[in-house]
Amino acid sequence: MRDTIYFLVFDGFADWQAALALCEVRRPGDWQVATVGFTRAPVRSMGGLTVQPELSLAELDFARAALAIVPGGHLWQRGEGVAAVAALRQLHGAGSVVAGIDSGVLALARAGLLDRCRHTGNWSGHIDAQVPGYAGSAQYDASALAVSDGGTITASHLGSVEFAREVIRTLDLYNPNDREHWYRLFKHAQLPPWCVGEAVAA
């Protein structure tokens, strides 16, 4: 049963990039969210939060993984994180959707997951410069802040709301109409119809 969302944590991970997505994933109560580290040792986020991973990469349950989320962080720019890249390749091969935002997209590219599907990232040429052997340039969409295709979700560092929207859509949270209202609320501060009356009354 695929009921678990894995969130990769490591020293210097960008803690804010997937925050909206994780909150919406947990809201219905149907999904388990588990933090995964390279080991179980505590890590500190880019914002200074100390996080105790619940699992190590070696403890991933591929049969239960519905989605794996990879936030940005300087280790991807340094070409590190080989164990995570291998795990992402395995997760995707086992049927899990793999999602990367900001430089986390580089990990998906190093795993070979972006060579044959539409995707995006921080800017055109970023992946090519960082990932030798990357063969997905023709599939890169510079016009989108987030893209879902081929069992992957990719997003620019400027697209955390769009990233959350793709996660919500992938997990089929809410109905399409509510998803659109959610996006307008968090992207454009447009209150959904059911909140307008409450706001006027207040």
Protein backbone atom coordinates (compact mmCIF):
# COMPACT_ATOMS: atom_id res chain seq x y z
CA MET A 1 0.00 0.00 0.00
CA ARG A 2 1.49 3.33 -1.08
CA ASP A 3 0.69 5.60 1.85
CA THR A 4 4.00 7.31 2.67
CA ILE A 5 5.56 10.58 1.53
CA TYR A 6 9.32 10.64 2.10
CA PHE A 7 11.01 14.00 2.64
CA LEU A 8 14.80 14.06 2.33
CA VAL A 9 16.64 16.09 4.97
CA PHE A 10 20.35 16.85 5.17
CA ASP A 11 22.62 19.56 6.52
CA GLY A 12 21.71 22.79 4.76
CA PHE A 13 18.43 21.67 3.17
CA ALA A 14 16.14 24.54 2.16
CA ASP A 15 13.42 24.08 4.78
CA TRP A 16 10.84 26.47 3.31
CA GLN A 17 10.67 25.14 -0.24
CA ALA A 18 8.32 22.22 0.38
CA ALA A 19 6.56 23.59 3.48
CA LEU A 20 3.28 24.38 1.73
CA ALA A 21 3.25 21.01 0.00
CA LEU A 22 3.89 19.10 3.22
CA CYS A 23 1.18 20.98 5.11
CA GLU A 24 -1.40 20.13 2.46
CA VAL A 25 -0.26 16.50 2.32
CA ARG A 26 -0.78 16.13 6.08
CA ARG A 27 -4.06 18.04 6.26
CA PRO A 28 -6.44 15.23 5.15
CA GLY A 29 -4.72 12.67 7.39
CA ASP A 30 -4.56 10.01 4.69
CA TRP A 31 -0.82 10.15 4.11
CA GLN A 32 2.16 9.44 6.33
CA VAL A 33 5.04 11.91 6.07
CA ALA A 34 8.47 10.59 7.05
CA THR A 35 11.75 12.46 7.16
CA VAL A 36 14.67 10.56 5.66
CA GLY A 37 18.35 11.33 6.16
CA PHE A 38 21.54 9.90 4.74
CA THR A 39 21.81 8.47 8.26
CA ARG A 40 19.64 8.92 11.35
CA ALA A 41 21.96 11.61 12.71
CA PRO A 42 20.30 15.01 13.34
CA VAL A 43 20.74 17.63 10.61
CA ARG A 44 20.37 21.39 10.54
CA SER A 45 18.37 23.12 7.83
CA MET A 46 19.38 26.24 5.94
CA GLY A 47 17.07 28.19 8.25
CA GLY A 48 18.74 26.79 11.37
CA LEU A 49 16.15 24.16 12.35
CA THR A 50 17.48 20.92 13.81
CA VAL A 51 15.68 17.89 12.39
CA GLN A 52 15.96 14.29 13.58
CA PRO A 53 15.44 11.97 10.58
CA GLU A 54 12.98 9.17 11.27
CA LEU A 55 14.69 6.86 8.77
CA SER A 56 17.94 6.52 6.90
CA LEU A 57 18.11 5.98 3.14
CA ALA A 58 18.90 2.34 3.83
CA GLU A 59 15.54 1.96 5.59
CA LEU A 60 13.28 3.18 2.78
CA ASP A 61 10.20 1.04 2.15
CA PHE A 62 9.84 1.09 -1.62
CA ALA A 63 6.46 -0.65 -1.54
CA ARG A 64 4.93 2.09 0.64
CA ALA A 65 6.49 5.09 -1.09
CA ALA A 66 3.95 7.21 -2.96
CA LEU A 67 6.14 10.29 -3.29
CA ALA A 68 9.69 11.34 -2.44
CA ILE A 69 10.45 15.05 -2.06
CA VAL A 70 13.96 16.45 -2.54
CA PRO A 71 14.50 20.07 -1.41
CA GLY A 72 17.32 22.27 -2.58
CA GLY A 73 20.62 22.63 -0.78
CA HIS A 74 24.24 23.40 -1.48
CA LEU A 75 25.29 19.73 -1.44
CA TRP A 76 23.59 19.24 -4.84
CA GLN A 77 25.61 22.16 -6.25
CA ARG A 78 28.75 20.48 -4.92
CA GLY A 79 27.87 17.21 -6.68
CA GLU A 80 27.40 15.34 -3.41
CA GLY A 81 24.58 13.06 -2.26
CA VAL A 82 25.39 9.99 -4.37
CA ALA A 83 23.51 7.66 -2.02
CA ALA A 84 20.35 9.77 -2.36
CA VAL A 85 20.63 9.80 -6.14
CA ALA A 86 20.77 6.00 -6.17
CA ALA A 87 17.79 5.79 -3.81
CA LEU A 88 15.75 8.17 -5.99
CA ARG A 89 16.45 6.00 -9.02
CA GLN A 90 15.25 2.96 -7.08
CA LEU A 91 12.15 4.72 -5.77
CA HIS A 92 11.15 5.85 -9.24
CA GLY A 93 11.77 2.40 -10.65
CA ALA A 94 9.55 0.92 -7.94
CA GLY A 95 6.65 3.19 -8.91
CA SER A 96 7.05 6.21 -6.64
CA VAL A 97 6.77 9.76 -7.94
CA VAL A 98 9.99 11.69 -7.28
CA ALA A 99 9.79 15.47 -6.76
CA GLY A 100 12.64 17.96 -6.73
CA ILE A 101 12.65 21.71 -6.22
CA ASP A 102 15.48 24.20 -6.74
CA SER A 103 18.84 22.40 -6.82
CA GLY A 104 17.03 19.24 -5.72
CA VAL A 105 16.20 18.93 -9.42
CA LEU A 106 19.90 18.18 -9.98
CA ALA A 107 19.53 14.99 -7.94
CA LEU A 108 16.71 13.81 -10.23
CA ALA A 109 18.83 14.62 -13.27
CA ARG A 110 21.81 12.69 -11.86
CA ALA A 111 19.47 9.74 -11.32
CA GLY A 112 18.63 9.85 -15.04
CA LEU A 113 14.97 10.61 -14.38
CA LEU A 114 14.73 13.74 -16.55
CA ASP A 115 16.18 12.54 -19.83
CA ARG A 116 12.85 11.54 -21.39
CA CYS A 117 10.21 13.66 -19.66
CA ARG A 118 9.20 17.31 -19.64
CA HIS A 119 10.73 19.16 -16.70
CA THR A 120 11.94 22.51 -15.42
CA GLY A 121 14.45 23.92 -12.96
CA ASN A 122 16.04 27.16 -11.84
CA TRP A 123 17.13 28.44 -15.26
CA SER A 124 17.95 27.13 -18.70
CA GLY A 125 21.44 25.62 -18.80
CA HIS A 126 21.68 25.06 -15.04
CA ILE A 127 21.24 21.29 -15.23
CA ASP A 128 23.51 20.97 -18.27
CA ALA A 129 26.31 22.78 -16.42
CA GLN A 130 25.98 20.67 -13.26
CA VAL A 131 25.14 17.17 -14.52
CA PRO A 132 27.49 15.49 -17.01
CA GLY A 133 25.57 12.99 -19.11
CA TYR A 134 22.25 14.82 -18.74
CA ALA A 135 20.32 14.18 -21.95
CA GLY A 136 17.08 16.02 -21.27
CA SER A 137 17.80 19.51 -22.61
CA ALA A 138 15.19 19.18 -25.35
CA GLN A 139 12.57 18.40 -22.68
CA TYR A 140 13.40 21.40 -20.49
CA ASP A 141 10.53 23.90 -20.16
CA ALA A 142 11.88 27.32 -19.20
CA SER A 143 8.38 28.82 -19.25
CA ALA A 144 7.06 26.83 -16.26
CA LEU A 145 7.78 27.22 -12.55
CA ALA A 146 6.75 23.60 -11.90
CA VAL A 147 6.13 20.59 -14.13
CA SER A 148 4.73 17.09 -13.60
CA ASP A 149 5.61 14.41 -16.14
CA GLY A 150 6.90 10.86 -16.30
CA GLY A 151 6.59 10.17 -12.60
CA THR A 152 8.58 13.27 -11.67
CA ILE A 153 7.79 16.74 -10.37
CA THR A 154 10.34 19.50 -10.92
CA ALA A 155 10.24 23.13 -9.82
CA SER A 156 12.23 26.32 -9.84
CA HIS A 157 13.45 27.85 -6.59
CA LEU A 158 10.85 30.55 -7.32
CA GLY A 159 8.00 28.06 -7.67
CA SER A 160 7.21 26.73 -4.21
CA VAL A 161 3.47 27.44 -4.62
CA GLU A 162 3.44 25.80 -8.05
CA PHE A 163 5.44 22.89 -6.63
CA ALA A 164 2.83 22.41 -3.89
CA ARG A 165 0.06 22.55 -6.50
CA GLU A 166 1.71 19.73 -8.47
CA VAL A 167 2.11 17.64 -5.32
CA ILE A 168 -1.55 18.24 -4.44
CA ARG A 169 -2.61 17.23 -7.95
CA THR A 170 -0.37 14.16 -8.01
CA LEU A 171 -1.81 12.87 -4.73
CA ASP A 172 -5.34 13.81 -5.84
CA LEU A 173 -5.94 16.04 -2.83
CA TYR A 174 -9.18 18.03 -3.05
CA ASN A 175 -11.24 18.32 -6.20
CA PRO A 176 -10.00 20.26 -9.25
CA ASN A 177 -12.10 23.31 -8.41
CA ASP A 178 -10.81 23.48 -4.83
CA ARG A 179 -7.26 23.00 -6.05
CA GLU A 180 -7.62 26.03 -8.30
CA HIS A 181 -9.04 28.10 -5.44
CA TRP A 182 -6.13 26.92 -3.24
CA TYR A 183 -3.63 28.08 -5.84
CA ARG A 184 -5.27 31.50 -6.25
CA LEU A 185 -5.30 31.95 -2.48
CA PHE A 186 -1.61 31.21 -1.91
CA LYS A 187 -0.30 32.70 -5.16
CA HIS A 188 -2.48 35.76 -5.56
CA ALA A 189 -4.16 36.24 -2.14
CA GLN A 190 -7.57 35.74 -3.74
CA LEU A 191 -10.01 34.43 -1.14
CA PRO A 192 -12.09 31.42 -2.19
CA PRO A 193 -15.86 32.01 -2.43
CA TRP A 194 -16.59 30.26 0.87
CA CYS A 195 -14.27 32.65 2.75
CA VAL A 196 -15.48 35.91 1.24
CA GLY A 197 -18.57 36.08 3.47
CA GLU A 198 -16.48 35.39 6.58
CA ALA A 199 -14.02 38.14 5.63
CA VAL A 200 -16.82 40.68 5.09
CA ALA A 201 -18.45 39.73 8.40
CA ALA A 202 -15.17 40.19 10.25
